């Protein structure tokens, strides 16, 4: 046997099985990573839904607060007008 053939035989006997073993392990690791990625994605989707719901609730509350402030401002104007009318009627009487 020549030197080159011995190198090929050595490669076939030792290196090739190692490469196959490493390939199998890498495939298993890739599958686990994919599963973990799917779990993480599912969690993020859940968190996104919660944030969307919270954002919608905050928007509704903001509209309610602004409506209440607007009504209070209108009441304030009405009270000012009423106070002026009362002062005018006291001055006339």
PDB file of N, CA and C in Angstrom:
ATOM      1  N   UNK A   1       0.835  -1.185   0.000  1.00  0.00           N
ATOM      2  CA  UNK A   1       0.000   0.000   0.000  1.00  0.00           C
ATOM      3  C   UNK A   1       0.872   1.236   0.000  1.00  0.00           C
ATOM      4  N   UNK A   2       0.416   2.217  -0.793  1.00  0.00           N
ATOM      5  CA  UNK A   2       1.160   3.448  -0.849  1.00  0.00           C
ATOM      6  C   UNK A   2       0.723   4.420   0.238  1.00  0.00           C
ATOM      7  N   UNK A   3       1.500   5.429   0.362  1.00  0.00           N
ATOM      8  CA  UNK A   3       1.250   6.452   1.379  1.00  0.00           C
ATOM      9  C   UNK A   3      -0.119   7.116   1.198  1.00  0.00           C
ATOM     10  N   UNK A   4      -0.471   7.397  -0.046  1.00  0.00           N
ATOM     11  CA  UNK A   4      -1.745   8.057  -0.335  1.00  0.00           C
ATOM     12  C   UNK A   4      -2.907   7.140   0.002  1.00  0.00           C
ATOM     13  N   UNK A   5      -2.784   5.872  -0.337  1.00  0.00           N
ATOM     14  CA  UNK A   5      -3.856   4.934  -0.028  1.00  0.00           C
ATOM     15  C   UNK A   5      -4.013   4.756   1.474  1.00  0.00           C
ATOM     16  N   UNK A   6      -2.921   4.759   2.198  1.00  0.00           N
ATOM     17  CA  UNK A   6      -3.005   4.656   3.656  1.00  0.00           C
ATOM     18  C   UNK A   6      -3.718   5.870   4.240  1.00  0.00           C
ATOM     19  N   UNK A   7      -3.453   7.039   3.672  1.00  0.00           N
ATOM     20  CA  UNK A   7      -4.127   8.266   4.123  1.00  0.00           C
ATOM     21  C   UNK A   7      -5.619   8.198   3.859  1.00  0.00           C
ATOM     22  N   UNK A   8      -5.976   7.688   2.686  1.00  0.00           N
ATOM     23  CA  UNK A   8      -7.404   7.542   2.374  1.00  0.00           C
ATOM     24  C   UNK A   8      -8.065   6.538   3.304  1.00  0.00           C
ATOM     25  N   UNK A   9      -7.408   5.445   3.535  1.00  0.00           N
ATOM     26  CA  UNK A   9      -7.960   4.413   4.416  1.00  0.00           C
ATOM     27  C   UNK A   9      -8.120   4.961   5.829  1.00  0.00           C
ATOM     28  N   UNK A  10      -7.123   5.706   6.296  1.00  0.00           N
ATOM     29  CA  UNK A  10      -7.193   6.319   7.620  1.00  0.00           C
ATOM     30  C   UNK A  10      -8.381   7.280   7.695  1.00  0.00           C
ATOM     31  N   UNK A  11      -8.571   8.043   6.639  1.00  0.00           N
ATOM     32  CA  UNK A  11      -9.685   8.988   6.586  1.00  0.00           C
ATOM     33  C   UNK A  11     -11.008   8.233   6.632  1.00  0.00           C
ATOM     34  N   UNK A  12     -11.127   7.178   5.860  1.00  0.00           N
ATOM     35  CA  UNK A  12     -12.366   6.414   5.831  1.00  0.00           C
ATOM     36  C   UNK A  12     -12.633   5.711   7.159  1.00  0.00           C
ATOM     37  N   UNK A  13     -11.572   5.246   7.790  1.00  0.00           N
ATOM     38  CA  UNK A  13     -11.731   4.479   9.021  1.00  0.00           C
ATOM     39  C   UNK A  13     -12.003   5.349  10.245  1.00  0.00           C
ATOM     40  N   UNK A  14     -11.423   6.530  10.311  1.00  0.00           N
ATOM     41  CA  UNK A  14     -11.509   7.334  11.537  1.00  0.00           C
ATOM     42  C   UNK A  14     -12.212   8.680  11.350  1.00  0.00           C
ATOM     43  N   UNK A  15     -11.848   9.396  10.315  1.00  0.00           N
ATOM     44  CA  UNK A  15     -12.358  10.766  10.154  1.00  0.00           C
ATOM     45  C   UNK A  15     -13.814  10.765   9.680  1.00  0.00           C
ATOM     46  N   UNK A  16     -14.121   9.951   8.694  1.00  0.00           N
ATOM     47  CA  UNK A  16     -15.474   9.938   8.144  1.00  0.00           C
ATOM     48  C   UNK A  16     -16.529   9.576   9.195  1.00  0.00           C
ATOM     49  N   UNK A  17     -16.319   8.536  10.009  1.00  0.00           N
ATOM     50  CA  UNK A  17     -17.311   8.241  11.059  1.00  0.00           C
ATOM     51  C   UNK A  17     -17.446   9.397  12.070  1.00  0.00           C
ATOM     52  N   UNK A  18     -16.342  10.064  12.374  1.00  0.00           N
ATOM     53  CA  UNK A  18     -16.401  11.209  13.284  1.00  0.00           C
ATOM     54  C   UNK A  18     -17.235  12.337  12.686  1.00  0.00           C
ATOM     55  N   UNK A  19     -17.026  12.559  11.391  1.00  0.00           N
ATOM     56  CA  UNK A  19     -17.782  13.617  10.712  1.00  0.00           C
ATOM     57  C   UNK A  19     -19.273  13.273  10.728  1.00  0.00           C
ATOM     58  N   UNK A  20     -19.601  12.025  10.485  1.00  0.00           N
ATOM     59  CA  UNK A  20     -21.008  11.608  10.516  1.00  0.00           C
ATOM     60  C   UNK A  20     -21.589  11.776  11.919  1.00  0.00           C
ATOM     61  N   UNK A  21     -20.808  11.411  12.895  1.00  0.00           N
ATOM     62  CA  UNK A  21     -21.261  11.572  14.281  1.00  0.00           C
ATOM     63  C   UNK A  21     -21.494  13.043  14.612  1.00  0.00           C
ATOM     64  N   UNK A  22     -20.549  13.881  14.220  1.00  0.00           N
ATOM     65  CA  UNK A  22     -20.702  15.320  14.464  1.00  0.00           C
ATOM     66  C   UNK A  22     -21.905  15.888  13.714  1.00  0.00           C
ATOM     67  N   UNK A  23     -22.129  15.409  12.499  1.00  0.00           N
ATOM     68  CA  UNK A  23     -23.277  15.860  11.710  1.00  0.00           C
ATOM     69  C   UNK A  23     -24.585  15.478  12.409  1.00  0.00           C
ATOM     70  N   UNK A  24     -24.643  14.259  12.932  1.00  0.00           N
ATOM     71  CA  UNK A  24     -25.853  13.818  13.643  1.00  0.00           C
ATOM     72  C   UNK A  24     -26.080  14.672  14.891  1.00  0.00           C
ATOM     73  N   UNK A  25     -25.018  14.949  15.631  1.00  0.00           N
ATOM     74  CA  UNK A  25     -25.143  15.777  16.842  1.00  0.00           C
ATOM     75  C   UNK A  25     -25.565  17.197  16.486  1.00  0.00           C
ATOM     76  N   UNK A  26     -24.999  17.732  15.411  1.00  0.00           N
ATOM     77  CA  UNK A  26     -25.353  19.078  14.970  1.00  0.00           C
ATOM     78  C   UNK A  26     -26.821  19.142  14.554  1.00  0.00           C
ATOM     79  N   UNK A  27     -27.294  18.111  13.878  1.00  0.00           N
ATOM     80  CA  UNK A  27     -28.706  18.059  13.486  1.00  0.00           C
ATOM     81  C   UNK A  27     -29.604  18.046  14.714  1.00  0.00           C
ATOM     82  N   UNK A  28     -29.226  17.271  15.727  1.00  0.00           N
ATOM     83  CA  UNK A  28     -30.008  17.223  16.966  1.00  0.00           C
ATOM     84  C   UNK A  28     -30.025  18.590  17.652  1.00  0.00           C
ATOM     85  N   UNK A  29     -28.882  19.254  17.684  1.00  0.00           N
ATOM     86  CA  UNK A  29     -28.803  20.583  18.299  1.00  0.00           C
ATOM     87  C   UNK A  29     -29.666  21.575  17.517  1.00  0.00           C
ATOM     88  N   UNK A  30     -29.636  21.503  16.200  1.00  0.00           N
ATOM     89  CA  UNK A  30     -30.452  22.399  15.377  1.00  0.00           C
ATOM     90  C   UNK A  30     -31.937  22.198  15.658  1.00  0.00           C
ATOM     91  N   UNK A  31     -32.358  20.948  15.825  1.00  0.00           N
ATOM     92  CA  UNK A  31     -33.768  20.671  16.139  1.00  0.00           C
ATOM     93  C   UNK A  31     -34.153  21.262  17.490  1.00  0.00           C
ATOM     94  N   UNK A  32     -33.268  21.118  18.464  1.00  0.00           N
ATOM     95  CA  UNK A  32     -33.551  21.690  19.790  1.00  0.00           C
ATOM     96  C   UNK A  32     -33.636  23.205  19.722  1.00  0.00           C
ATOM     97  N   UNK A  33     -32.758  23.814  18.945  1.00  0.00           N
ATOM     98  CA  UNK A  33     -32.785  25.270  18.788  1.00  0.00           C
ATOM     99  C   UNK A  33     -34.092  25.698  18.129  1.00  0.00           C
ATOM    100  N   UNK A  34     -34.538  24.949  17.128  1.00  0.00           N
ATOM    101  CA  UNK A  34     -35.799  25.269  16.464  1.00  0.00           C
ATOM    102  C   UNK A  34     -36.970  25.173  17.439  1.00  0.00           C
ATOM    103  N   UNK A  35     -36.969  24.149  18.287  1.00  0.00           N
ATOM    104  CA  UNK A  35     -38.038  24.008  19.286  1.00  0.00           C
ATOM    105  C   UNK A  35     -38.023  25.171  20.270  1.00  0.00           C
ATOM    106  N   UNK A  36     -36.828  25.510  20.733  1.00  0.00           N
ATOM    107  CA  UNK A  36     -36.722  26.633  21.663  1.00  0.00           C
ATOM    108  C   UNK A  36     -37.135  27.936  20.995  1.00  0.00           C
ATOM    109  N   UNK A  37     -36.768  28.104  19.745  1.00  0.00           N
ATOM    110  CA  UNK A  37     -37.156  29.300  19.003  1.00  0.00           C
ATOM    111  C   UNK A  37     -38.674  29.390  18.893  1.00  0.00           C
ATOM    112  N   UNK A  38     -39.321  28.260  18.632  1.00  0.00           N
ATOM    113  CA  UNK A  38     -40.782  28.245  18.534  1.00  0.00           C
ATOM    114  C   UNK A  38     -41.416  28.614  19.880  1.00  0.00           C
ATOM    115  N   UNK A  39     -40.848  28.098  20.975  1.00  0.00           N
ATOM    116  CA  UNK A  39     -41.374  28.434  22.307  1.00  0.00           C
ATOM    117  C   UNK A  39     -41.213  29.921  22.599  1.00  0.00           C
ATOM    118  N   UNK A  40     -40.038  30.455  22.283  1.00  0.00           N
ATOM    119  CA  UNK A  40     -39.780  31.881  22.525  1.00  0.00           C
ATOM    120  C   UNK A  40     -40.721  32.732  21.677  1.00  0.00           C
ATOM    121  N   UNK A  41     -40.909  32.348  20.435  1.00  0.00           N
ATOM    122  CA  UNK A  41     -41.803  33.090  19.534  1.00  0.00           C
ATOM    123  C   UNK A  41     -43.231  33.087  20.079  1.00  0.00           C
ATOM    124  N   UNK A  42     -43.653  31.934  20.588  1.00  0.00           N
ATOM    125  CA  UNK A  42     -44.997  31.828  21.171  1.00  0.00           C
ATOM    126  C   UNK A  42     -45.132  32.751  22.374  1.00  0.00           C
ATOM    127  N   UNK A  43     -44.099  32.794  23.209  1.00  0.00           N
ATOM    128  CA  UNK A  43     -44.118  33.692  24.370  1.00  0.00           C
ATOM    129  C   UNK A  43     -44.211  35.148  23.943  1.00  0.00           C
ATOM    130  N   UNK A  44     -43.390  35.520  22.948  1.00  0.00           N
ATOM    131  CA  UNK A  44     -43.411  36.901  22.481  1.00  0.00           C
ATOM    132  C   UNK A  44     -44.767  37.269  21.889  1.00  0.00           C
ATOM    133  N   UNK A  45     -45.381  36.325  21.187  1.00  0.00           N
ATOM    134  CA  UNK A  45     -46.720  36.589  20.655  1.00  0.00           C
ATOM    135  C   UNK A  45     -47.700  36.849  21.787  1.00  0.00           C
ATOM    136  N   UNK A  46     -47.587  36.060  22.839  1.00  0.00           N
ATOM    137  CA  UNK A  46     -48.459  36.247  24.003  1.00  0.00           C
ATOM    138  C   UNK A  46     -48.225  37.613  24.648  1.00  0.00           C
ATOM    139  N   UNK A  47     -46.965  37.977  24.790  1.00  0.00           N
ATOM    140  CA  UNK A  47     -46.634  39.281  25.390  1.00  0.00           C
ATOM    141  C   UNK A  47     -47.120  40.414  24.489  1.00  0.00           C
ATOM    142  N   UNK A  48     -46.955  40.248  23.174  1.00  0.00           N
ATOM    143  CA  UNK A  48     -47.442  41.264  22.241  1.00  0.00           C
ATOM    144  C   UNK A  48     -48.949  41.457  22.375  1.00  0.00           C
ATOM    145  N   UNK A  49     -49.685  40.366  22.500  1.00  0.00           N
ATOM    146  CA  UNK A  49     -51.138  40.465  22.660  1.00  0.00           C
ATOM    147  C   UNK A  49     -51.482  41.209  23.948  1.00  0.00           C
ATOM    148  N   UNK A  50     -50.749  40.918  25.011  1.00  0.00           N
ATOM    149  CA  UNK A  50     -51.007  41.619  26.277  1.00  0.00           C
ATOM    150  C   UNK A  50     -50.731  43.112  26.144  1.00  0.00           C
ATOM    151  N   UNK A  51     -49.627  43.460  25.491  1.00  0.00           N
ATOM    152  CA  UNK A  51     -49.313  44.876  25.303  1.00  0.00           C
ATOM    153  C   UNK A  51     -50.356  45.565  24.426  1.00  0.00           C
ATOM    154  N   UNK A  52     -50.821  44.872  23.397  1.00  0.00           N
ATOM    155  CA  UNK A  52     -51.861  45.456  22.548  1.00  0.00           C
ATOM    156  C   UNK A  52     -53.134  45.715  23.347  1.00  0.00           C
ATOM    157  N   UNK A  53     -53.516  44.744  24.170  1.00  0.00           N
ATOM    158  CA  UNK A  53     -54.716  44.918  25.000  1.00  0.00           C
ATOM    159  C   UNK A  53     -54.529  46.074  25.972  1.00  0.00           C
ATOM    160  N   UNK A  54     -53.356  46.159  26.568  1.00  0.00           N
ATOM    161  CA  UNK A  54     -53.073  47.237  27.510  1.00  0.00           C
ATOM    162  C   UNK A  54     -53.080  48.588  26.807  1.00  0.00           C
ATOM    163  N   UNK A  55     -52.514  48.635  25.618  1.00  0.00           N
ATOM    164  CA  UNK A  55     -52.490  49.885  24.857  1.00  0.00           C
ATOM    165  C   UNK A  55     -53.905  50.331  24.506  1.00  0.00           C
ATOM    166  N   UNK A  56     -54.748  49.375  24.099  1.00  0.00           N
ATOM    167  CA  UNK A  56     -56.139  49.704  23.793  1.00  0.00           C
ATOM    168  C   UNK A  56     -56.869  50.233  25.028  1.00  0.00           C
ATOM    169  N   UNK A  57     -56.629  49.610  26.148  1.00  0.00           N
ATOM    170  CA  UNK A  57     -57.266  50.053  27.393  1.00  0.00           C
ATOM    171  C   UNK A  57     -56.793  51.456  27.760  1.00  0.00           C
ATOM    172  N   UNK A  58     -55.511  51.715  27.602  1.00  0.00           N
ATOM    173  CA  UNK A  58     -54.980  53.048  27.913  1.00  0.00           C
ATOM    174  C   UNK A  58     -55.581  54.101  26.987  1.00  0.00           C
ATOM    175  N   UNK A  59     -55.751  53.762  25.720  1.00  0.00           N
ATOM    176  CA  UNK A  59     -56.349  54.700  24.776  1.00  0.00           C
ATOM    177  C   UNK A  59     -57.791  55.005  25.159  1.00  0.00           C
ATOM    178  N   UNK A  60     -58.547  53.967  25.543  1.00  0.00           N
ATOM    179  CA  UNK A  60     -59.935  54.193  25.978  1.00  0.00           C
ATOM    180  C   UNK A  60     -59.977  55.075  27.220  1.00  0.00           C
ATOM    181  N   UNK A  61     -59.089  54.799  28.168  1.00  0.00           N
ATOM    182  CA  UNK A  61     -59.048  55.608  29.385  1.00  0.00           C
ATOM    183  C   UNK A  61     -58.663  57.054  29.071  1.00  0.00           C
ATOM    184  N   UNK A  62     -57.749  57.244  28.146  1.00  0.00           N
ATOM    185  CA  UNK A  62     -57.338  58.595  27.781  1.00  0.00           C
ATOM    186  C   UNK A  62     -58.522  59.352  27.183  1.00  0.00           C
ATOM    187  N   UNK A  63     -59.290  58.695  26.334  1.00  0.00           N
ATOM    188  CA  UNK A  63     -60.469  59.339  25.743  1.00  0.00           C
ATOM    189  C   UNK A  63     -61.461  59.708  26.843  1.00  0.00           C
ATOM    190  N   UNK A  64     -61.672  58.819  27.787  1.00  0.00           N
ATOM    191  CA  UNK A  64     -62.598  59.103  28.888  1.00  0.00           C
ATOM    192  C   UNK A  64     -62.109  60.282  29.720  1.00  0.00           C
ATOM    193  N   UNK A  65     -60.829  60.321  30.009  1.00  0.00           N
ATOM    194  CA  UNK A  65     -60.275  61.418  30.810  1.00  0.00           C
ATOM    195  C   UNK A  65     -60.421  62.740  30.065  1.00  0.00           C
ATOM    196  N   UNK A  66     -60.117  62.737  28.767  1.00  0.00           N
ATOM    197  CA  UNK A  66     -60.244  63.974  27.990  1.00  0.00           C
ATOM    198  C   UNK A  66     -61.697  64.429  27.908  1.00  0.00           C
ATOM    199  N   UNK A  67     -62.620  63.487  27.757  1.00  0.00           N
ATOM    200  CA  UNK A  67     -64.042  63.845  27.754  1.00  0.00           C
ATOM    201  C   UNK A  67     -64.456  64.450  29.091  1.00  0.00           C
ATOM    202  N   UNK A  68     -63.998  63.854  30.168  1.00  0.00           N
ATOM    203  CA  UNK A  68     -64.323  64.373  31.506  1.00  0.00           C
ATOM    204  C   UNK A  68     -63.747  65.769  31.694  1.00  0.00           C
ATOM    205  N   UNK A  69     -62.508  65.980  31.265  1.00  0.00           N
ATOM    206  CA  UNK A  69     -61.903  67.308  31.374  1.00  0.00           C
ATOM    207  C   UNK A  69     -62.671  68.333  30.540  1.00  0.00           C
ATOM    208  N   UNK A  70     -63.116  67.928  29.383  1.00  0.00           N
ATOM    209  CA  UNK A  70     -63.891  68.830  28.524  1.00  0.00           C
ATOM    210  C   UNK A  70     -65.211  69.199  29.197  1.00  0.00           C
ATOM    211  N   UNK A  71     -65.880  68.211  29.776  1.00  0.00           N
ATOM    212  CA  UNK A  71     -67.132  68.502  30.500  1.00  0.00           C
ATOM    213  C   UNK A  71     -66.882  69.421  31.680  1.00  0.00           C
ATOM    214  N   UNK A  72     -65.797  69.184  32.410  1.00  0.00           N
ATOM    215  CA  UNK A  72     -65.473  70.040  33.555  1.00  0.00           C
ATOM    216  C   UNK A  72     -65.217  71.472  33.100  1.00  0.00           C
ATOM    217  N   UNK A  73     -64.551  71.615  31.962  1.00  0.00           N
ATOM    218  CA  UNK A  73     -64.298  72.950  31.422  1.00  0.00           C
ATOM    219  C   UNK A  73     -65.622  73.623  31.061  1.00  0.00           C
ATOM    220  N   UNK A  74     -66.543  72.881  30.461  1.00  0.00           N
ATOM    221  CA  UNK A  74     -67.860  73.433  30.137  1.00  0.00           C
ATOM    222  C   UNK A  74     -68.615  73.823  31.398  1.00  0.00           C
ATOM    223  N   UNK A  75     -68.567  72.980  32.427  1.00  0.00           N
ATOM    224  CA  UNK A  75     -69.217  73.312  33.703  1.00  0.00           C
ATOM    225  C   UNK A  75     -68.618  74.572  34.298  1.00  0.00           C
ATOM    226  N   UNK A  76     -67.306  74.697  34.179  1.00  0.00           N
ATOM    227  CA  UNK A  76     -66.636  75.886  34.713  1.00  0.00           C
ATOM    228  C   UNK A  76     -67.139  77.140  34.014  1.00  0.00           C
ATOM    229  N   UNK A  77     -67.275  77.078  32.695  1.00  0.00           N
ATOM    230  CA  UNK A  77     -67.790  78.228  31.950  1.00  0.00           C
ATOM    231  C   UNK A  77     -69.224  78.550  32.366  1.00  0.00           C
ATOM    232  N   UNK A  78     -70.036  77.512  32.544  1.00  0.00           N
ATOM    233  CA  UNK A  78     -71.423  77.725  32.968  1.00  0.00           C
ATOM    234  C   UNK A  78     -71.453  78.375  34.354  1.00  0.00           C
ATOM    235  N   UNK A  79     -70.613  77.896  35.259  1.00  0.00           N
ATOM    236  CA  UNK A  79     -70.574  78.469  36.617  1.00  0.00           C
ATOM    237  C   UNK A  79     -70.120  79.924  36.583  1.00  0.00           C
ATOM    238  N   UNK A  80     -69.172  80.254  35.736  1.00  0.00           N
ATOM    239  CA  UNK A  80     -68.719  81.639  35.618  1.00  0.00           C
ATOM    240  C   UNK A  80     -69.846  82.532  35.105  1.00  0.00           C
ATOM    241  N   UNK A  81     -70.541  82.055  34.086  1.00  0.00           N
ATOM    242  CA  UNK A  81     -71.668  82.835  33.554  1.00  0.00           C
ATOM    243  C   UNK A  81     -72.753  83.001  34.605  1.00  0.00           C
ATOM    244  N   UNK A  82     -73.030  81.941  35.351  1.00  0.00           N
ATOM    245  CA  UNK A  82     -74.036  82.012  36.408  1.00  0.00           C
ATOM    246  C   UNK A  82     -73.625  83.009  37.484  1.00  0.00           C
ATOM    247  N   UNK A  83     -72.348  82.988  37.848  1.00  0.00           N
ATOM    248  CA  UNK A  83     -71.855  83.928  38.860  1.00  0.00           C
ATOM    249  C   UNK A  83     -71.993  85.364  38.368  1.00  0.00           C
ATOM    250  N   UNK A  84     -71.700  85.619  37.104  1.00  0.00           N
ATOM    251  CA  UNK A  84     -71.852  86.973  36.550  1.00  0.00           C
ATOM    252  C   UNK A  84     -73.311  87.407  36.550  1.00  0.00           C
ATOM    253  N   UNK A  85     -74.190  86.482  36.159  1.00  0.00           N
ATOM    254  CA  UNK A  85     -75.620  86.807  36.164  1.00  0.00           C
ATOM    255  C   UNK A  85     -76.109  87.113  37.579  1.00  0.00           C
ATOM    256  N   UNK A  86     -75.665  86.293  38.539  1.00  0.00           N
ATOM    257  CA  UNK A  86     -76.054  86.532  39.928  1.00  0.00           C
ATOM    258  C   UNK A  86     -75.569  87.879  40.422  1.00  0.00           C
ATOM    259  N   UNK A  87     -74.336  88.237  40.048  1.00  0.00           N
ATOM    260  CA  UNK A  87     -73.818  89.533  40.497  1.00  0.00           C
ATOM    261  C   UNK A  87     -74.579  90.673  39.840  1.00  0.00           C
ATOM    262  N   UNK A  88     -74.976  90.506  38.587  1.00  0.00           N
ATOM    263  CA  UNK A  88     -75.748  91.537  37.906  1.00  0.00           C
ATOM    264  C   UNK A  88     -77.129  91.685  38.548  1.00  0.00           C
ATOM    265  N   UNK A  89     -77.758  90.546  38.910  1.00  0.00           N
ATOM    266  CA  UNK A  89     -79.089  90.633  39.507  1.00  0.00           C
ATOM    267  C   UNK A  89     -79.019  91.241  40.901  1.00  0.00           C
ATOM    268  N   UNK A  90     -77.913  91.019  41.625  1.00  0.00           N
ATOM    269  CA  UNK A  90     -77.760  91.637  42.952  1.00  0.00           C
ATOM    270  C   UNK A  90     -77.540  93.139  42.813  1.00  0.00           C
ATOM    271  N   UNK A  91     -76.824  93.532  41.775  1.00  0.00           N
ATOM    272  CA  UNK A  91     -76.576  94.967  41.550  1.00  0.00           C
ATOM    273  C   UNK A  91     -77.858  95.675  41.130  1.00  0.00           C
ATOM    274  N   UNK A  92     -78.750  95.006  40.436  1.00  0.00           N
ATOM    275  CA  UNK A  92     -80.002  95.597  39.968  1.00  0.00           C
ATOM    276  C   UNK A  92     -80.967  95.702  41.145  1.00  0.00           C
ATOM    277  N   UNK A  93     -80.970  94.754  41.997  1.00  0.00           N
ATOM    278  CA  UNK A  93     -81.928  94.722  43.091  1.00  0.00           C
ATOM    279  C   UNK A  93     -81.588  95.674  44.162  1.00  0.00           C
TER     280      UNK A  93
END
